[in-house]
């Protein structure tokens, strides 16, 4: 997974507190969440598979081909490493009630393909995505902060990686 916004800020704050991370492990990222959640919303444009640009505001943009985090939470319920597409999650909850709805939707694995005014999670799939942020935003790749930036290009490269995955029958 790779992310921009909230999750990248959480990774950055957790990295700044190496002792807590060494003692607690992945829960150190959860402890970093309240500080990261105080950050401003991002404004961005995204273009999926050469389609028309879409405007969004978001707290977090996450791209992955797996959806599970430490602790068993599946942020991207339908992400699979072997389906030839990448999955996108855009989170933009508003206020405490919005965060509760978002967490509930993620825990119950409720998917929504388009963004609604209620700020529920938005999920999409793509082969190539171009993101342009209105301001430099923190970014992370596989849990490691990689600095800030205004652009991100993500693309599937078929056959670039051999993945051993369980059969779909199981």
C-alpha atoms as a PDB file:
ATOM      1  CA  UNK A   1       0.000   0.000   0.000  1.00  0.00           C
ATOM      2  CA  UNK A   2       0.952   3.600  -0.502  1.00  0.00           C
ATOM      3  CA  UNK A   3      -0.810   6.611   0.912  1.00  0.00           C
ATOM      4  CA  UNK A   4      -1.023  10.372   1.017  1.00  0.00           C
ATOM      5  CA  UNK A   5      -2.358  12.470   3.870  1.00  0.00           C
ATOM      6  CA  UNK A   6      -3.471  11.045   7.201  1.00  0.00           C
ATOM      7  CA  UNK A   7      -1.763   7.650   7.018  1.00  0.00           C
ATOM      8  CA  UNK A   8       1.522   9.194   5.836  1.00  0.00           C
ATOM      9  CA  UNK A   9       1.371  11.747   8.663  1.00  0.00           C
ATOM     10  CA  UNK A  10       0.746   8.904  11.150  1.00  0.00           C
ATOM     11  CA  UNK A  11       3.820   7.065   9.832  1.00  0.00           C
ATOM     12  CA  UNK A  12       5.892  10.238  10.110  1.00  0.00           C
ATOM     13  CA  UNK A  13       4.782  10.966  13.694  1.00  0.00           C
ATOM     14  CA  UNK A  14       5.365   7.349  14.744  1.00  0.00           C
ATOM     15  CA  UNK A  15       8.855   7.414  13.164  1.00  0.00           C
ATOM     16  CA  UNK A  16       9.640  10.543  15.196  1.00  0.00           C
ATOM     17  CA  UNK A  17       9.007   8.529  18.380  1.00  0.00           C
ATOM     18  CA  UNK A  18      11.289   5.550  17.806  1.00  0.00           C
ATOM     19  CA  UNK A  19      11.122   4.458  21.444  1.00  0.00           C
ATOM     20  CA  UNK A  20       7.308   4.131  21.428  1.00  0.00           C
ATOM     21  CA  UNK A  21       7.500   2.284  18.123  1.00  0.00           C
ATOM     22  CA  UNK A  22      10.196  -0.066  19.472  1.00  0.00           C
ATOM     23  CA  UNK A  23       8.208  -0.840  22.634  1.00  0.00           C
ATOM     24  CA  UNK A  24       4.669  -0.937  21.212  1.00  0.00           C
ATOM     25  CA  UNK A  25       5.162  -2.022  17.599  1.00  0.00           C
ATOM     26  CA  UNK A  26       2.284  -1.211  15.215  1.00  0.00           C
ATOM     27  CA  UNK A  27       0.011   0.260  17.963  1.00  0.00           C
ATOM     28  CA  UNK A  28       2.428   3.233  17.998  1.00  0.00           C
ATOM     29  CA  UNK A  29       0.818   4.253  14.697  1.00  0.00           C
ATOM     30  CA  UNK A  30      -2.616   4.243  16.346  1.00  0.00           C
ATOM     31  CA  UNK A  31      -1.279   6.525  19.080  1.00  0.00           C
ATOM     32  CA  UNK A  32      -0.007   8.893  16.375  1.00  0.00           C
ATOM     33  CA  UNK A  33      -3.478   9.114  14.786  1.00  0.00           C
ATOM     34  CA  UNK A  34      -4.973  11.923  16.951  1.00  0.00           C
ATOM     35  CA  UNK A  35      -2.087  14.260  16.115  1.00  0.00           C
ATOM     36  CA  UNK A  36      -2.296  13.372  12.408  1.00  0.00           C
ATOM     37  CA  UNK A  37      -6.089  13.807  12.372  1.00  0.00           C
ATOM     38  CA  UNK A  38      -5.721  17.484  13.305  1.00  0.00           C
ATOM     39  CA  UNK A  39      -4.109  18.210   9.944  1.00  0.00           C
ATOM     40  CA  UNK A  40      -6.014  20.047   7.212  1.00  0.00           C
ATOM     41  CA  UNK A  41      -7.973  18.385   4.409  1.00  0.00           C
ATOM     42  CA  UNK A  42      -6.251  17.925   1.081  1.00  0.00           C
ATOM     43  CA  UNK A  43      -7.651  19.165  -2.203  1.00  0.00           C
ATOM     44  CA  UNK A  44      -6.716  17.101  -5.207  1.00  0.00           C
ATOM     45  CA  UNK A  45      -7.449  16.120  -8.765  1.00  0.00           C
ATOM     46  CA  UNK A  46      -7.240  12.512  -9.845  1.00  0.00           C
ATOM     47  CA  UNK A  47      -7.415  10.890 -13.226  1.00  0.00           C
ATOM     48  CA  UNK A  48      -8.024   7.143 -13.414  1.00  0.00           C
ATOM     49  CA  UNK A  49      -7.138   5.177 -16.544  1.00  0.00           C
ATOM     50  CA  UNK A  50      -7.052   8.305 -18.702  1.00  0.00           C
ATOM     51  CA  UNK A  51     -10.603   9.313 -17.755  1.00  0.00           C
ATOM     52  CA  UNK A  52     -11.803  12.778 -16.981  1.00  0.00           C
ATOM     53  CA  UNK A  53     -10.206  14.502 -13.973  1.00  0.00           C
ATOM     54  CA  UNK A  54     -12.136  14.201 -10.715  1.00  0.00           C
ATOM     55  CA  UNK A  55     -11.892  16.794  -7.919  1.00  0.00           C
ATOM     56  CA  UNK A  56     -11.900  15.643  -4.321  1.00  0.00           C
ATOM     57  CA  UNK A  57     -11.166  16.778  -0.809  1.00  0.00           C
ATOM     58  CA  UNK A  58      -9.747  14.113   1.444  1.00  0.00           C
ATOM     59  CA  UNK A  59      -8.075  13.312   4.714  1.00  0.00           C
ATOM     60  CA  UNK A  60      -6.400  10.274   3.184  1.00  0.00           C
ATOM     61  CA  UNK A  61      -5.808   8.717  -0.224  1.00  0.00           C
ATOM     62  CA  UNK A  62      -4.656   5.088  -0.120  1.00  0.00           C
ATOM     63  CA  UNK A  63      -3.650   2.857  -3.042  1.00  0.00           C
ATOM     64  CA  UNK A  64      -2.983  -0.847  -2.703  1.00  0.00           C
ATOM     65  CA  UNK A  65      -3.163  -4.331  -4.042  1.00  0.00           C
ATOM     66  CA  UNK A  66      -3.711  -5.740  -0.567  1.00  0.00           C
ATOM     67  CA  UNK A  67      -6.191  -4.329   1.888  1.00  0.00           C
ATOM     68  CA  UNK A  68      -5.187  -5.651   5.311  1.00  0.00           C
ATOM     69  CA  UNK A  69      -3.333  -3.776   8.030  1.00  0.00           C
ATOM     70  CA  UNK A  70      -1.743  -5.024  11.219  1.00  0.00           C
ATOM     71  CA  UNK A  71      -4.441  -5.995  13.677  1.00  0.00           C
ATOM     72  CA  UNK A  72      -6.677  -7.436  10.951  1.00  0.00           C
ATOM     73  CA  UNK A  73      -8.387  -4.231   9.788  1.00  0.00           C
ATOM     74  CA  UNK A  74      -9.123  -4.413   6.053  1.00  0.00           C
ATOM     75  CA  UNK A  75      -9.035  -0.868   4.744  1.00  0.00           C
ATOM     76  CA  UNK A  76      -9.585  -1.923   1.138  1.00  0.00           C
ATOM     77  CA  UNK A  77     -11.963  -4.904   1.289  1.00  0.00           C
ATOM     78  CA  UNK A  78     -11.720  -6.081  -2.337  1.00  0.00           C
ATOM     79  CA  UNK A  79      -7.986  -5.526  -2.909  1.00  0.00           C
ATOM     80  CA  UNK A  80      -6.189  -8.599  -4.250  1.00  0.00           C
ATOM     81  CA  UNK A  81      -2.537  -8.949  -5.209  1.00  0.00           C
ATOM     82  CA  UNK A  82      -3.358 -11.051  -8.289  1.00  0.00           C
ATOM     83  CA  UNK A  83      -6.303  -9.327 -10.005  1.00  0.00           C
ATOM     84  CA  UNK A  84      -4.323  -6.999 -12.298  1.00  0.00           C
ATOM     85  CA  UNK A  85      -5.733  -3.760 -10.862  1.00  0.00           C
ATOM     86  CA  UNK A  86      -4.932  -1.469  -7.984  1.00  0.00           C
ATOM     87  CA  UNK A  87      -7.543  -0.365  -5.493  1.00  0.00           C
ATOM     88  CA  UNK A  88      -8.098   3.185  -4.301  1.00  0.00           C
ATOM     89  CA  UNK A  89      -9.597   4.346  -1.017  1.00  0.00           C
ATOM     90  CA  UNK A  90     -10.416   7.995  -0.419  1.00  0.00           C
ATOM     91  CA  UNK A  91     -11.434   9.020   3.093  1.00  0.00           C
ATOM     92  CA  UNK A  92     -12.918  12.411   3.885  1.00  0.00           C
ATOM     93  CA  UNK A  93     -14.935  12.148   7.098  1.00  0.00           C
ATOM     94  CA  UNK A  94     -16.393  15.346   8.559  1.00  0.00           C
ATOM     95  CA  UNK A  95     -16.430  15.697  12.341  1.00  0.00           C
ATOM     96  CA  UNK A  96     -16.639  13.006  15.030  1.00  0.00           C
ATOM     97  CA  UNK A  97     -19.839  11.521  13.547  1.00  0.00           C
ATOM     98  CA  UNK A  98     -18.156  11.233  10.153  1.00  0.00           C
ATOM     99  CA  UNK A  99     -15.218   9.394  11.700  1.00  0.00           C
ATOM    100  CA  UNK A 100     -17.594   7.005  13.474  1.00  0.00           C
ATOM    101  CA  UNK A 101     -19.453   6.297  10.200  1.00  0.00           C
ATOM    102  CA  UNK A 102     -16.140   5.790   8.403  1.00  0.00           C
ATOM    103  CA  UNK A 103     -14.786   3.370  10.999  1.00  0.00           C
ATOM    104  CA  UNK A 104     -18.121   1.521  11.016  1.00  0.00           C
ATOM    105  CA  UNK A 105     -18.135   1.235   7.222  1.00  0.00           C
ATOM    106  CA  UNK A 106     -14.559  -0.089   7.235  1.00  0.00           C
ATOM    107  CA  UNK A 107     -15.198  -2.559  10.057  1.00  0.00           C
ATOM    108  CA  UNK A 108     -18.373  -3.809   8.379  1.00  0.00           C
ATOM    109  CA  UNK A 109     -16.601  -3.836   4.995  1.00  0.00           C
ATOM    110  CA  UNK A 110     -19.231  -1.691   3.337  1.00  0.00           C
ATOM    111  CA  UNK A 111     -18.099  -0.527  -0.070  1.00  0.00           C
ATOM    112  CA  UNK A 112     -19.187   2.552  -1.940  1.00  0.00           C
ATOM    113  CA  UNK A 113     -18.038   3.131  -5.504  1.00  0.00           C
ATOM    114  CA  UNK A 114     -18.658   6.851  -5.646  1.00  0.00           C
ATOM    115  CA  UNK A 115     -18.237   9.644  -3.184  1.00  0.00           C
ATOM    116  CA  UNK A 116     -21.328  10.920  -1.444  1.00  0.00           C
ATOM    117  CA  UNK A 117     -21.850  14.116   0.453  1.00  0.00           C
ATOM    118  CA  UNK A 118     -21.859  12.121   3.687  1.00  0.00           C
ATOM    119  CA  UNK A 119     -18.087  11.562   3.563  1.00  0.00           C
ATOM    120  CA  UNK A 120     -18.306   7.763   3.548  1.00  0.00           C
ATOM    121  CA  UNK A 121     -15.284   5.896   2.128  1.00  0.00           C
ATOM    122  CA  UNK A 122     -14.926   5.986  -1.646  1.00  0.00           C
ATOM    123  CA  UNK A 123     -13.482   2.918  -3.386  1.00  0.00           C
ATOM    124  CA  UNK A 124     -12.354   2.601  -7.004  1.00  0.00           C
ATOM    125  CA  UNK A 125     -10.118   0.343  -9.084  1.00  0.00           C
ATOM    126  CA  UNK A 126      -7.673   1.341 -11.800  1.00  0.00           C
ATOM    127  CA  UNK A 127      -4.602   0.380 -13.795  1.00  0.00           C
ATOM    128  CA  UNK A 128      -3.099   3.881 -13.920  1.00  0.00           C
ATOM    129  CA  UNK A 129      -3.812   6.850 -11.654  1.00  0.00           C
ATOM    130  CA  UNK A 130      -2.486  10.384 -11.682  1.00  0.00           C
ATOM    131  CA  UNK A 131      -2.943  12.461  -8.535  1.00  0.00           C
ATOM    132  CA  UNK A 132      -2.260  16.203  -8.348  1.00  0.00           C
ATOM    133  CA  UNK A 133      -2.523  17.819  -4.929  1.00  0.00           C
ATOM    134  CA  UNK A 134      -3.114  21.541  -4.474  1.00  0.00           C
ATOM    135  CA  UNK A 135      -0.322  21.687  -1.861  1.00  0.00           C
ATOM    136  CA  UNK A 136       2.615  19.410  -0.965  1.00  0.00           C
ATOM    137  CA  UNK A 137       1.294  16.467   1.072  1.00  0.00           C
ATOM    138  CA  UNK A 138       3.035  13.809   3.210  1.00  0.00           C
ATOM    139  CA  UNK A 139       3.384  10.444   1.435  1.00  0.00           C
ATOM    140  CA  UNK A 140       4.293   6.926   2.462  1.00  0.00           C
ATOM    141  CA  UNK A 141       5.143   3.716   0.644  1.00  0.00           C
ATOM    142  CA  UNK A 142       4.639   0.409   2.455  1.00  0.00           C
ATOM    143  CA  UNK A 143       4.602   2.172   5.820  1.00  0.00           C
ATOM    144  CA  UNK A 144       7.750   4.241   5.282  1.00  0.00           C
ATOM    145  CA  UNK A 145       7.491   8.042   4.992  1.00  0.00           C
ATOM    146  CA  UNK A 146       8.945   9.281   1.683  1.00  0.00           C
ATOM    147  CA  UNK A 147       8.546  13.035   2.082  1.00  0.00           C
ATOM    148  CA  UNK A 148       6.016  15.465   0.722  1.00  0.00           C
ATOM    149  CA  UNK A 149       4.970  16.111  -2.847  1.00  0.00           C
ATOM    150  CA  UNK A 150       2.267  17.519  -5.103  1.00  0.00           C
ATOM    151  CA  UNK A 151       2.105  14.721  -7.699  1.00  0.00           C
ATOM    152  CA  UNK A 152       1.801  10.977  -7.567  1.00  0.00           C
ATOM    153  CA  UNK A 153       1.635   8.560 -10.485  1.00  0.00           C
ATOM    154  CA  UNK A 154       0.666   4.952  -9.768  1.00  0.00           C
ATOM    155  CA  UNK A 155       0.528   2.254 -12.427  1.00  0.00           C
ATOM    156  CA  UNK A 156       0.138  -1.512 -12.673  1.00  0.00           C
ATOM    157  CA  UNK A 157       3.025  -3.179 -14.471  1.00  0.00           C
ATOM    158  CA  UNK A 158       1.755  -6.642 -15.521  1.00  0.00           C
ATOM    159  CA  UNK A 159       4.199  -9.448 -14.829  1.00  0.00           C
ATOM    160  CA  UNK A 160       6.637  -7.242 -12.873  1.00  0.00           C
ATOM    161  CA  UNK A 161       6.224  -9.275  -9.707  1.00  0.00           C
ATOM    162  CA  UNK A 162       5.511 -12.929  -9.120  1.00  0.00           C
ATOM    163  CA  UNK A 163       3.013 -13.360  -6.292  1.00  0.00           C
ATOM    164  CA  UNK A 164       2.070 -16.621  -4.617  1.00  0.00           C
ATOM    165  CA  UNK A 165      -1.552 -16.319  -3.505  1.00  0.00           C
ATOM    166  CA  UNK A 166      -4.132 -18.840  -2.278  1.00  0.00           C
ATOM    167  CA  UNK A 167      -6.593 -20.114  -4.837  1.00  0.00           C
ATOM    168  CA  UNK A 168      -9.942 -18.306  -5.067  1.00  0.00           C
ATOM    169  CA  UNK A 169     -11.794 -21.516  -4.165  1.00  0.00           C
ATOM    170  CA  UNK A 170     -10.467 -21.384  -0.585  1.00  0.00           C
END
